[in-house]
Amino acid sequence: MDVQPDATLVGLPWFEAEDYCALAEALNGYATLPERYEDWLDHLRVLESLLRLSGTRVHWVRLAPDEFIEWCCDNDRSADATACMDFATELARLCFARPPRAD
C-alpha cells in the first residue's frame, strides 16, 4: 500500500542537552549555533510558534547525532541546519504517513 507524506507537517530536530556539544561540532556552520543548549531550544520554540501560526503542523523529533551524521552520509548531504530539519521532517512524515485517499 502506498502512503502519502503530509506536506503540511514539519519535523523540528530535538537533541538531548548532553548531545548538544557533539551536535555543534558535527554541524557545518556550527559557529552560528548558540553556545548554550537552552538558547538553541528557545530558538526552536520560536520557530515552532511561527510555523504553527502559518498553519504548518509541527512534530518534535528526537535525533541522535550519530544517526543524523549517518543519514547525511547516506544521502550525500552536508551536515548543516537544513539537513537537520530535512532529516527531522522525513522522520516525522514517516511517523504520520497515511494511505492515499480513495477518490
PDB file of N, CA and C in Angstrom:
ATOM      1  N   MET A   1       0.843  -1.177   0.000  1.00  0.00           N
ATOM      2  CA  MET A   1       0.000   0.000   0.000  1.00  0.00           C
ATOM      3  C   MET A   1       0.887   1.239   0.000  1.00  0.00           C
ATOM      4  N   ASP A   2       0.612   2.156  -0.902  1.00  0.00           N
ATOM      5  CA  ASP A   2       1.350   3.412  -0.948  1.00  0.00           C
ATOM      6  C   ASP A   2       0.839   4.333   0.147  1.00  0.00           C
ATOM      7  N   VAL A   3       1.751   5.130   0.693  1.00  0.00           N
ATOM      8  CA  VAL A   3       1.355   6.141   1.667  1.00  0.00           C
ATOM      9  C   VAL A   3       1.785   7.495   1.147  1.00  0.00           C
ATOM     10  N   GLN A   4       1.015   8.488   1.489  1.00  0.00           N
ATOM     11  CA  GLN A   4       1.290   9.851   1.052  1.00  0.00           C
ATOM     12  C   GLN A   4       1.891  10.643   2.206  1.00  0.00           C
ATOM     13  N   PRO A   5       3.010  11.328   1.972  1.00  0.00           N
ATOM     14  CA  PRO A   5       3.557  12.173   3.036  1.00  0.00           C
ATOM     15  C   PRO A   5       2.672  13.401   3.219  1.00  0.00           C
ATOM     16  N   ASP A   6       2.647  13.903   4.402  1.00  0.00           N
ATOM     17  CA  ASP A   6       1.859  15.090   4.723  1.00  0.00           C
ATOM     18  C   ASP A   6       2.728  16.324   4.516  1.00  0.00           C
ATOM     19  N   ALA A   7       2.454  17.055   3.449  1.00  0.00           N
ATOM     20  CA  ALA A   7       3.278  18.220   3.099  1.00  0.00           C
ATOM     21  C   ALA A   7       3.129  19.356   4.106  1.00  0.00           C
ATOM     22  N   THR A   8       2.110  19.308   4.958  1.00  0.00           N
ATOM     23  CA  THR A   8       1.936  20.379   5.939  1.00  0.00           C
ATOM     24  C   THR A   8       2.599  20.054   7.265  1.00  0.00           C
ATOM     25  N   LEU A   9       3.314  18.949   7.326  1.00  0.00           N
ATOM     26  CA  LEU A   9       3.965  18.524   8.563  1.00  0.00           C
ATOM     27  C   LEU A   9       5.465  18.765   8.476  1.00  0.00           C
ATOM     28  N   VAL A  10       6.000  19.418   9.500  1.00  0.00           N
ATOM     29  CA  VAL A  10       7.430  19.683   9.576  1.00  0.00           C
ATOM     30  C   VAL A  10       7.962  19.075  10.864  1.00  0.00           C
ATOM     31  N   GLY A  11       9.106  18.432  10.760  1.00  0.00           N
ATOM     32  CA  GLY A  11       9.758  17.904  11.947  1.00  0.00           C
ATOM     33  C   GLY A  11      10.770  18.904  12.480  1.00  0.00           C
ATOM     34  N   LEU A  12      10.708  19.155  13.767  1.00  0.00           N
ATOM     35  CA  LEU A  12      11.714  20.006  14.409  1.00  0.00           C
ATOM     36  C   LEU A  12      12.720  19.100  15.099  1.00  0.00           C
ATOM     37  N   PRO A  13      13.995  19.219  14.729  1.00  0.00           N
ATOM     38  CA  PRO A  13      15.003  18.351  15.330  1.00  0.00           C
ATOM     39  C   PRO A  13      15.268  18.750  16.774  1.00  0.00           C
ATOM     40  N   TRP A  14      15.228  17.765  17.626  1.00  0.00           N
ATOM     41  CA  TRP A  14      15.480  17.990  19.037  1.00  0.00           C
ATOM     42  C   TRP A  14      16.549  17.010  19.491  1.00  0.00           C
ATOM     43  N   PHE A  15      17.534  17.529  20.174  1.00  0.00           N
ATOM     44  CA  PHE A  15      18.629  16.732  20.714  1.00  0.00           C
ATOM     45  C   PHE A  15      18.625  16.862  22.224  1.00  0.00           C
ATOM     46  N   GLU A  16      19.073  15.821  22.882  1.00  0.00           N
ATOM     47  CA  GLU A  16      19.237  15.871  24.340  1.00  0.00           C
ATOM     48  C   GLU A  16      20.312  16.904  24.676  1.00  0.00           C
ATOM     49  N   ALA A  17      20.207  17.504  25.837  1.00  0.00           N
ATOM     50  CA  ALA A  17      21.177  18.519  26.257  1.00  0.00           C
ATOM     51  C   ALA A  17      22.598  17.968  26.234  1.00  0.00           C
ATOM     52  N   GLU A  18      22.768  16.715  26.654  1.00  0.00           N
ATOM     53  CA  GLU A  18      24.116  16.143  26.695  1.00  0.00           C
ATOM     54  C   GLU A  18      24.682  15.873  25.299  1.00  0.00           C
ATOM     55  N   ASP A  19      23.826  15.882  24.273  1.00  0.00           N
ATOM     56  CA  ASP A  19      24.285  15.683  22.893  1.00  0.00           C
ATOM     57  C   ASP A  19      24.583  16.994  22.164  1.00  0.00           C
ATOM     58  N   TYR A  20      24.271  18.114  22.793  1.00  0.00           N
ATOM     59  CA  TYR A  20      24.363  19.393  22.100  1.00  0.00           C
ATOM     60  C   TYR A  20      25.790  19.726  21.658  1.00  0.00           C
ATOM     61  N   CYS A  21      26.766  19.492  22.486  1.00  0.00           N
ATOM     62  CA  CYS A  21      28.158  19.798  22.102  1.00  0.00           C
ATOM     63  C   CYS A  21      28.595  18.942  20.922  1.00  0.00           C
ATOM     64  N   ALA A  22      28.239  17.651  20.946  1.00  0.00           N
ATOM     65  CA  ALA A  22      28.580  16.765  19.821  1.00  0.00           C
ATOM     66  C   ALA A  22      27.879  17.226  18.553  1.00  0.00           C
ATOM     67  N   LEU A  23      26.643  17.648  18.688  1.00  0.00           N
ATOM     68  CA  LEU A  23      25.897  18.163  17.540  1.00  0.00           C
ATOM     69  C   LEU A  23      26.574  19.408  16.996  1.00  0.00           C
ATOM     70  N   ALA A  24      26.904  20.328  17.867  1.00  0.00           N
ATOM     71  CA  ALA A  24      27.518  21.582  17.442  1.00  0.00           C
ATOM     72  C   ALA A  24      28.824  21.332  16.691  1.00  0.00           C
ATOM     73  N   GLU A  25      29.605  20.393  17.161  1.00  0.00           N
ATOM     74  CA  GLU A  25      30.874  20.091  16.500  1.00  0.00           C
ATOM     75  C   GLU A  25      30.672  19.367  15.174  1.00  0.00           C
ATOM     76  N   ALA A  26      29.587  18.586  15.070  1.00  0.00           N
ATOM     77  CA  ALA A  26      29.328  17.812  13.851  1.00  0.00           C
ATOM     78  C   ALA A  26      28.735  18.674  12.739  1.00  0.00           C
ATOM     79  N   LEU A  27      28.008  19.716  13.108  1.00  0.00           N
ATOM     80  CA  LEU A  27      27.331  20.539  12.105  1.00  0.00           C
ATOM     81  C   LEU A  27      28.300  21.478  11.396  1.00  0.00           C
ATOM     82  N   ASN A  28      28.177  21.538  10.085  1.00  0.00           N
ATOM     83  CA  ASN A  28      28.884  22.568   9.328  1.00  0.00           C
ATOM     84  C   ASN A  28      28.204  23.891   9.667  1.00  0.00           C
ATOM     85  N   GLY A  29      28.975  24.896   9.908  1.00  0.00           N
ATOM     86  CA  GLY A  29      28.411  26.185  10.297  1.00  0.00           C
ATOM     87  C   GLY A  29      28.052  26.237  11.765  1.00  0.00           C
ATOM     88  N   TYR A  30      28.664  25.364  12.566  1.00  0.00           N
ATOM     89  CA  TYR A  30      28.322  25.309  13.990  1.00  0.00           C
ATOM     90  C   TYR A  30      28.632  26.608  14.711  1.00  0.00           C
ATOM     91  N   ALA A  31      29.493  27.426  14.131  1.00  0.00           N
ATOM     92  CA  ALA A  31      29.839  28.687  14.791  1.00  0.00           C
ATOM     93  C   ALA A  31      28.621  29.590  14.934  1.00  0.00           C
ATOM     94  N   THR A  32      27.589  29.348  14.128  1.00  0.00           N
ATOM     95  CA  THR A  32      26.384  30.177  14.208  1.00  0.00           C
ATOM     96  C   THR A  32      25.395  29.660  15.247  1.00  0.00           C
ATOM     97  N   LEU A  33      25.641  28.483  15.792  1.00  0.00           N
ATOM     98  CA  LEU A  33      24.750  27.957  16.828  1.00  0.00           C
ATOM     99  C   LEU A  33      24.993  28.681  18.142  1.00  0.00           C
ATOM    100  N   PRO A  34      23.935  28.862  18.932  1.00  0.00           N
ATOM    101  CA  PRO A  34      24.133  29.452  20.260  1.00  0.00           C
ATOM    102  C   PRO A  34      25.063  28.578  21.099  1.00  0.00           C
ATOM    103  N   GLU A  35      25.791  29.206  21.963  1.00  0.00           N
ATOM    104  CA  GLU A  35      26.702  28.464  22.837  1.00  0.00           C
ATOM    105  C   GLU A  35      25.951  27.561  23.801  1.00  0.00           C
ATOM    106  N   ARG A  36      24.841  28.073  24.288  1.00  0.00           N
ATOM    107  CA  ARG A  36      24.093  27.342  25.314  1.00  0.00           C
ATOM    108  C   ARG A  36      22.933  26.552  24.701  1.00  0.00           C
ATOM    109  N   TYR A  37      22.760  25.352  25.170  1.00  0.00           N
ATOM    110  CA  TYR A  37      21.670  24.470  24.730  1.00  0.00           C
ATOM    111  C   TYR A  37      20.315  25.147  24.932  1.00  0.00           C
ATOM    112  N   GLU A  38      20.135  25.799  26.063  1.00  0.00           N
ATOM    113  CA  GLU A  38      18.854  26.430  26.378  1.00  0.00           C
ATOM    114  C   GLU A  38      18.509  27.520  25.360  1.00  0.00           C
ATOM    115  N   ASP A  39      19.520  28.264  24.892  1.00  0.00           N
ATOM    116  CA  ASP A  39      19.279  29.309  23.893  1.00  0.00           C
ATOM    117  C   ASP A  39      18.871  28.687  22.558  1.00  0.00           C
ATOM    118  N   TRP A  40      19.497  27.574  22.197  1.00  0.00           N
ATOM    119  CA  TRP A  40      19.138  26.864  20.967  1.00  0.00           C
ATOM    120  C   TRP A  40      17.703  26.359  21.043  1.00  0.00           C
ATOM    121  N   LEU A  41      17.334  25.799  22.194  1.00  0.00           N
ATOM    122  CA  LEU A  41      15.985  25.287  22.389  1.00  0.00           C
ATOM    123  C   LEU A  41      14.962  26.422  22.327  1.00  0.00           C
ATOM    124  N   ASP A  42      15.292  27.565  22.915  1.00  0.00           N
ATOM    125  CA  ASP A  42      14.405  28.730  22.834  1.00  0.00           C
ATOM    126  C   ASP A  42      14.191  29.148  21.380  1.00  0.00           C
ATOM    127  N   HIS A  43      15.252  29.122  20.583  1.00  0.00           N
ATOM    128  CA  HIS A  43      15.155  29.468  19.164  1.00  0.00           C
ATOM    129  C   HIS A  43      14.191  28.509  18.451  1.00  0.00           C
ATOM    130  N   LEU A  44      14.295  27.222  18.761  1.00  0.00           N
ATOM    131  CA  LEU A  44      13.395  26.247  18.144  1.00  0.00           C
ATOM    132  C   LEU A  44      11.951  26.461  18.569  1.00  0.00           C
ATOM    133  N   ARG A  45      11.746  26.863  19.798  1.00  0.00           N
ATOM    134  CA  ARG A  45      10.377  27.125  20.265  1.00  0.00           C
ATOM    135  C   ARG A  45       9.764  28.311  19.526  1.00  0.00           C
ATOM    136  N   VAL A  46      10.565  29.335  19.267  1.00  0.00           N
ATOM    137  CA  VAL A  46      10.087  30.479  18.486  1.00  0.00           C
ATOM    138  C   VAL A  46       9.752  30.024  17.065  1.00  0.00           C
ATOM    139  N   LEU A  47      10.642  29.225  16.470  1.00  0.00           N
ATOM    140  CA  LEU A  47      10.397  28.691  15.135  1.00  0.00           C
ATOM    141  C   LEU A  47       9.120  27.865  15.113  1.00  0.00           C
ATOM    142  N   GLU A  48       8.913  27.046  16.140  1.00  0.00           N
ATOM    143  CA  GLU A  48       7.691  26.251  16.226  1.00  0.00           C
ATOM    144  C   GLU A  48       6.458  27.154  16.220  1.00  0.00           C
ATOM    145  N   SER A  49       6.487  28.209  16.999  1.00  0.00           N
ATOM    146  CA  SER A  49       5.351  29.140  17.059  1.00  0.00           C
ATOM    147  C   SER A  49       5.079  29.764  15.698  1.00  0.00           C
ATOM    148  N   LEU A  50       6.134  30.192  15.023  1.00  0.00           N
ATOM    149  CA  LEU A  50       5.963  30.814  13.703  1.00  0.00           C
ATOM    150  C   LEU A  50       5.389  29.818  12.691  1.00  0.00           C
ATOM    151  N   LEU A  51       5.881  28.597  12.729  1.00  0.00           N
ATOM    152  CA  LEU A  51       5.373  27.575  11.811  1.00  0.00           C
ATOM    153  C   LEU A  51       3.904  27.278  12.090  1.00  0.00           C
ATOM    154  N   ARG A  52       3.548  27.152  13.353  1.00  0.00           N
ATOM    155  CA  ARG A  52       2.152  26.862  13.704  1.00  0.00           C
ATOM    156  C   ARG A  52       1.240  28.019  13.286  1.00  0.00           C
ATOM    157  N   LEU A  53       1.707  29.249  13.470  1.00  0.00           N
ATOM    158  CA  LEU A  53       0.916  30.412  13.064  1.00  0.00           C
ATOM    159  C   LEU A  53       0.658  30.426  11.554  1.00  0.00           C
ATOM    160  N   SER A  54       1.585  29.856  10.800  1.00  0.00           N
ATOM    161  CA  SER A  54       1.418  29.827   9.345  1.00  0.00           C
ATOM    162  C   SER A  54       0.574  28.632   8.891  1.00  0.00           C
ATOM    163  N   GLY A  55       0.100  27.829   9.850  1.00  0.00           N
ATOM    164  CA  GLY A  55      -0.749  26.699   9.522  1.00  0.00           C
ATOM    165  C   GLY A  55      -0.006  25.392   9.331  1.00  0.00           C
ATOM    166  N   THR A  56       1.269  25.377   9.631  1.00  0.00           N
ATOM    167  CA  THR A  56       2.074  24.169   9.484  1.00  0.00           C
ATOM    168  C   THR A  56       1.956  23.325  10.744  1.00  0.00           C
ATOM    169  N   ARG A  57       1.786  22.030  10.558  1.00  0.00           N
ATOM    170  CA  ARG A  57       1.794  21.101  11.684  1.00  0.00           C
ATOM    171  C   ARG A  57       3.249  20.823  12.044  1.00  0.00           C
ATOM    172  N   VAL A  58       3.541  20.816  13.332  1.00  0.00           N
ATOM    173  CA  VAL A  58       4.916  20.645  13.810  1.00  0.00           C
ATOM    174  C   VAL A  58       4.976  19.436  14.735  1.00  0.00           C
ATOM    175  N   HIS A  59       5.998  18.632  14.527  1.00  0.00           N
ATOM    176  CA  HIS A  59       6.230  17.473  15.388  1.00  0.00           C
ATOM    177  C   HIS A  59       7.705  17.492  15.791  1.00  0.00           C
ATOM    178  N   TRP A  60       7.964  17.481  17.095  1.00  0.00           N
ATOM    179  CA  TRP A  60       9.336  17.438  17.592  1.00  0.00           C
ATOM    180  C   TRP A  60       9.874  16.030  17.404  1.00  0.00           C
ATOM    181  N   VAL A  61      11.069  15.924  16.850  1.00  0.00           N
ATOM    182  CA  VAL A  61      11.690  14.635  16.584  1.00  0.00           C
ATOM    183  C   VAL A  61      13.030  14.584  17.303  1.00  0.00           C
ATOM    184  N   ARG A  62      13.151  13.631  18.245  1.00  0.00           N
ATOM    185  CA  ARG A  62      14.419  13.484  18.945  1.00  0.00           C
ATOM    186  C   ARG A  62      15.407  12.770  18.034  1.00  0.00           C
ATOM    187  N   LEU A  63      16.541  13.404  17.836  1.00  0.00           N
ATOM    188  CA  LEU A  63      17.585  12.840  16.989  1.00  0.00           C
ATOM    189  C   LEU A  63      18.835  12.563  17.819  1.00  0.00           C
ATOM    190  N   ALA A  64      19.554  11.549  17.404  1.00  0.00           N
ATOM    191  CA  ALA A  64      20.871  11.267  17.975  1.00  0.00           C
ATOM    192  C   ALA A  64      21.904  11.760  16.961  1.00  0.00           C
ATOM    193  N   PRO A  65      22.936  12.448  17.406  1.00  0.00           N
ATOM    194  CA  PRO A  65      23.924  12.986  16.468  1.00  0.00           C
ATOM    195  C   PRO A  65      24.486  11.938  15.508  1.00  0.00           C
ATOM    196  N   ASP A  66      24.749  10.732  15.994  1.00  0.00           N
ATOM    197  CA  ASP A  66      25.322   9.716  15.111  1.00  0.00           C
ATOM    198  C   ASP A  66      24.336   9.281  14.023  1.00  0.00           C
ATOM    199  N   GLU A  67      23.048   9.208  14.351  1.00  0.00           N
ATOM    200  CA  GLU A  67      22.034   8.871  13.346  1.00  0.00           C
ATOM    201  C   GLU A  67      21.943   9.969  12.292  1.00  0.00           C
ATOM    202  N   PHE A  68      22.011  11.211  12.732  1.00  0.00           N
ATOM    203  CA  PHE A  68      21.950  12.330  11.800  1.00  0.00           C
ATOM    204  C   PHE A  68      23.151  12.314  10.853  1.00  0.00           C
ATOM    205  N   ILE A  69      24.336  12.110  11.393  1.00  0.00           N
ATOM    206  CA  ILE A  69      25.542  12.072  10.565  1.00  0.00           C
ATOM    207  C   ILE A  69      25.471  10.914   9.575  1.00  0.00           C
ATOM    208  N   GLU A  70      24.994   9.762  10.036  1.00  0.00           N
ATOM    209  CA  GLU A  70      24.847   8.606   9.141  1.00  0.00           C
ATOM    210  C   GLU A  70      23.868   8.915   8.008  1.00  0.00           C
ATOM    211  N   TRP A  71      22.750   9.564   8.336  1.00  0.00           N
ATOM    212  CA  TRP A  71      21.769   9.941   7.321  1.00  0.00           C
ATOM    213  C   TRP A  71      22.391  10.893   6.304  1.00  0.00           C
ATOM    214  N   CYS A  72      23.164  11.854   6.791  1.00  0.00           N
ATOM    215  CA  CYS A  72      23.828  12.803   5.882  1.00  0.00           C
ATOM    216  C   CYS A  72      24.760  12.062   4.926  1.00  0.00           C
ATOM    217  N   CYS A  73      25.548  11.132   5.439  1.00  0.00           N
ATOM    218  CA  CYS A  73      26.460  10.356   4.587  1.00  0.00           C
ATOM    219  C   CYS A  73      25.679   9.525   3.579  1.00  0.00           C
ATOM    220  N   ASP A  74      24.622   8.858   4.040  1.00  0.00           N
ATOM    221  CA  ASP A  74      23.819   8.004   3.156  1.00  0.00           C
ATOM    222  C   ASP A  74      23.113   8.798   2.058  1.00  0.00           C
ATOM    223  N   ASN A  75      22.827  10.072   2.331  1.00  0.00           N
ATOM    224  CA  ASN A  75      22.081  10.894   1.386  1.00  0.00           C
ATOM    225  C   ASN A  75      22.943  11.958   0.714  1.00  0.00           C
ATOM    226  N   ASP A  76      24.270  11.822   0.883  1.00  0.00           N
ATOM    227  CA  ASP A  76      25.204  12.763   0.269  1.00  0.00           C
ATOM    228  C   ASP A  76      24.840  14.212   0.610  1.00  0.00           C
ATOM    229  N   ARG A  77      24.618  14.455   1.898  1.00  0.00           N
ATOM    230  CA  ARG A  77      24.237  15.769   2.379  1.00  0.00           C
ATOM    231  C   ARG A  77      25.301  16.318   3.289  1.00  0.00           C
ATOM    232  N   SER A  78      25.465  17.601   3.259  1.00  0.00           N
ATOM    233  CA  SER A  78      26.329  18.275   4.211  1.00  0.00           C
ATOM    234  C   SER A  78      25.605  18.309   5.553  1.00  0.00           C
ATOM    235  N   ALA A  79      26.316  18.082   6.629  1.00  0.00           N
ATOM    236  CA  ALA A  79      25.710  18.092   7.963  1.00  0.00           C
ATOM    237  C   ALA A  79      25.524  19.530   8.410  1.00  0.00           C
ATOM    238  N   ASP A  80      24.408  20.121   7.996  1.00  0.00           N
ATOM    239  CA  ASP A  80      24.120  21.502   8.359  1.00  0.00           C
ATOM    240  C   ASP A  80      22.693  21.606   8.890  1.00  0.00           C
ATOM    241  N   ALA A  81      22.292  22.815   9.225  1.00  0.00           N
ATOM    242  CA  ALA A  81      20.976  23.017   9.820  1.00  0.00           C
ATOM    243  C   ALA A  81      19.854  22.610   8.869  1.00  0.00           C
ATOM    244  N   THR A  82      20.029  22.865   7.580  1.00  0.00           N
ATOM    245  CA  THR A  82      18.997  22.497   6.606  1.00  0.00           C
ATOM    246  C   THR A  82      18.835  20.984   6.553  1.00  0.00           C
ATOM    247  N   ALA A  83      19.939  20.271   6.525  1.00  0.00           N
ATOM    248  CA  ALA A  83      19.877  18.813   6.513  1.00  0.00           C
ATOM    249  C   ALA A  83      19.240  18.294   7.804  1.00  0.00           C
ATOM    250  N   CYS A  84      19.538  18.926   8.901  1.00  0.00           N
ATOM    251  CA  CYS A  84      18.967  18.522  10.183  1.00  0.00           C
ATOM    252  C   CYS A  84      17.446  18.656  10.158  1.00  0.00           C
ATOM    253  N   MET A  85      16.946  19.773   9.641  1.00  0.00           N
ATOM    254  CA  MET A  85      15.499  19.976   9.503  1.00  0.00           C
ATOM    255  C   MET A  85      14.908  18.964   8.535  1.00  0.00           C
ATOM    256  N   ASP A  86      15.594  18.713   7.427  1.00  0.00           N
ATOM    257  CA  ASP A  86      15.091  17.761   6.438  1.00  0.00           C
ATOM    258  C   ASP A  86      14.999  16.353   7.020  1.00  0.00           C
ATOM    259  N   PHE A  87      16.009  15.956   7.779  1.00  0.00           N
ATOM    260  CA  PHE A  87      16.005  14.636   8.390  1.00  0.00           C
ATOM    261  C   PHE A  87      14.857  14.520   9.394  1.00  0.00           C
ATOM    262  N   ALA A  88      14.696  15.527  10.230  1.00  0.00           N
ATOM    263  CA  ALA A  88      13.614  15.512  11.219  1.00  0.00           C
ATOM    264  C   ALA A  88      12.251  15.479  10.530  1.00  0.00           C
ATOM    265  N   THR A  89      12.107  16.230   9.448  1.00  0.00           N
ATOM    266  CA  THR A  89      10.841  16.250   8.716  1.00  0.00           C
ATOM    267  C   THR A  89      10.574  14.893   8.070  1.00  0.00           C
ATOM    268  N   GLU A  90      11.605  14.293   7.511  1.00  0.00           N
ATOM    269  CA  GLU A  90      11.442  12.957   6.920  1.00  0.00           C
ATOM    270  C   GLU A  90      10.958  11.952   7.962  1.00  0.00           C
ATOM    271  N   LEU A  91      11.557  11.981   9.130  1.00  0.00           N
ATOM    272  CA  LEU A  91      11.153  11.058  10.194  1.00  0.00           C
ATOM    273  C   LEU A  91       9.737  11.355  10.681  1.00  0.00           C
ATOM    274  N   ALA A  92       9.405  12.620  10.826  1.00  0.00           N
ATOM    275  CA  ALA A  92       8.056  12.990  11.266  1.00  0.00           C
ATOM    276  C   ALA A  92       7.019  12.528  10.253  1.00  0.00           C
ATOM    277  N   ARG A  93       7.300  12.718   8.988  1.00  0.00           N
ATOM    278  CA  ARG A  93       6.339  12.314   7.954  1.00  0.00           C
ATOM    279  C   ARG A  93       6.199  10.799   7.883  1.00  0.00           C
ATOM    280  N   LEU A  94       7.265  10.074   8.161  1.00  0.00           N
ATOM    281  CA  LEU A  94       7.160   8.616   8.214  1.00  0.00           C
ATOM    282  C   LEU A  94       6.269   8.182   9.373  1.00  0.00           C
ATOM    283  N   CYS A  95       6.381   8.871  10.496  1.00  0.00           N
ATOM    284  CA  CYS A  95       5.559   8.543  11.664  1.00  0.00           C
ATOM    285  C   CYS A  95       4.075   8.798  11.402  1.00  0.00           C
ATOM    286  N   PHE A  96       3.785   9.834  10.623  1.00  0.00           N
ATOM    287  CA  PHE A  96       2.402  10.242  10.415  1.00  0.00           C
ATOM    288  C   PHE A  96       1.911   9.966   8.996  1.00  0.00           C
ATOM    289  N   ALA A  97       2.629   9.124   8.253  1.00  0.00           N
ATOM    290  CA  ALA A  97       2.217   8.805   6.884  1.00  0.00           C
ATOM    291  C   ALA A  97       0.833   8.170   6.911  1.00  0.00           C
ATOM    292  N   ARG A  98       0.068   8.519   5.909  1.00  0.00           N
ATOM    293  CA  ARG A  98      -1.283   7.961   5.830  1.00  0.00           C
ATOM    294  C   ARG A  98      -1.509   7.415   4.424  1.00  0.00           C
ATOM    295  N   PRO A  99      -2.394   6.432   4.322  1.00  0.00           N
ATOM    296  CA  PRO A  99      -2.669   5.876   2.994  1.00  0.00           C
ATOM    297  C   PRO A  99      -3.295   6.943   2.093  1.00  0.00           C
ATOM    298  N   PRO A 100      -3.105   6.816   0.782  1.00  0.00           N
ATOM    299  CA  PRO A 100      -3.728   7.786  -0.120  1.00  0.00           C
ATOM    300  C   PRO A 100      -5.242   7.698  -0.040  1.00  0.00           C
ATOM    301  N   ARG A 101      -5.889   8.828  -0.277  1.00  0.00           N
ATOM    302  CA  ARG A 101      -7.346   8.875  -0.260  1.00  0.00           C
ATOM    303  C   ARG A 101      -7.897   8.153  -1.480  1.00  0.00           C
ATOM    304  N   ALA A 102      -8.965   7.429  -1.270  1.00  0.00           N
ATOM    305  CA  ALA A 102      -9.650   6.794  -2.399  1.00  0.00           C
ATOM    306  C   ALA A 102     -10.691   7.775  -2.914  1.00  0.00           C
ATOM    307  N   ASP A 103     -10.498   8.217  -4.136  1.00  0.00           N
ATOM    308  CA  ASP A 103     -11.447   9.197  -4.706  1.00  0.00           C
ATOM    309  C   ASP A 103     -12.463   8.532  -5.580  1.00  0.00           C
TER     310      ASP A 103
END
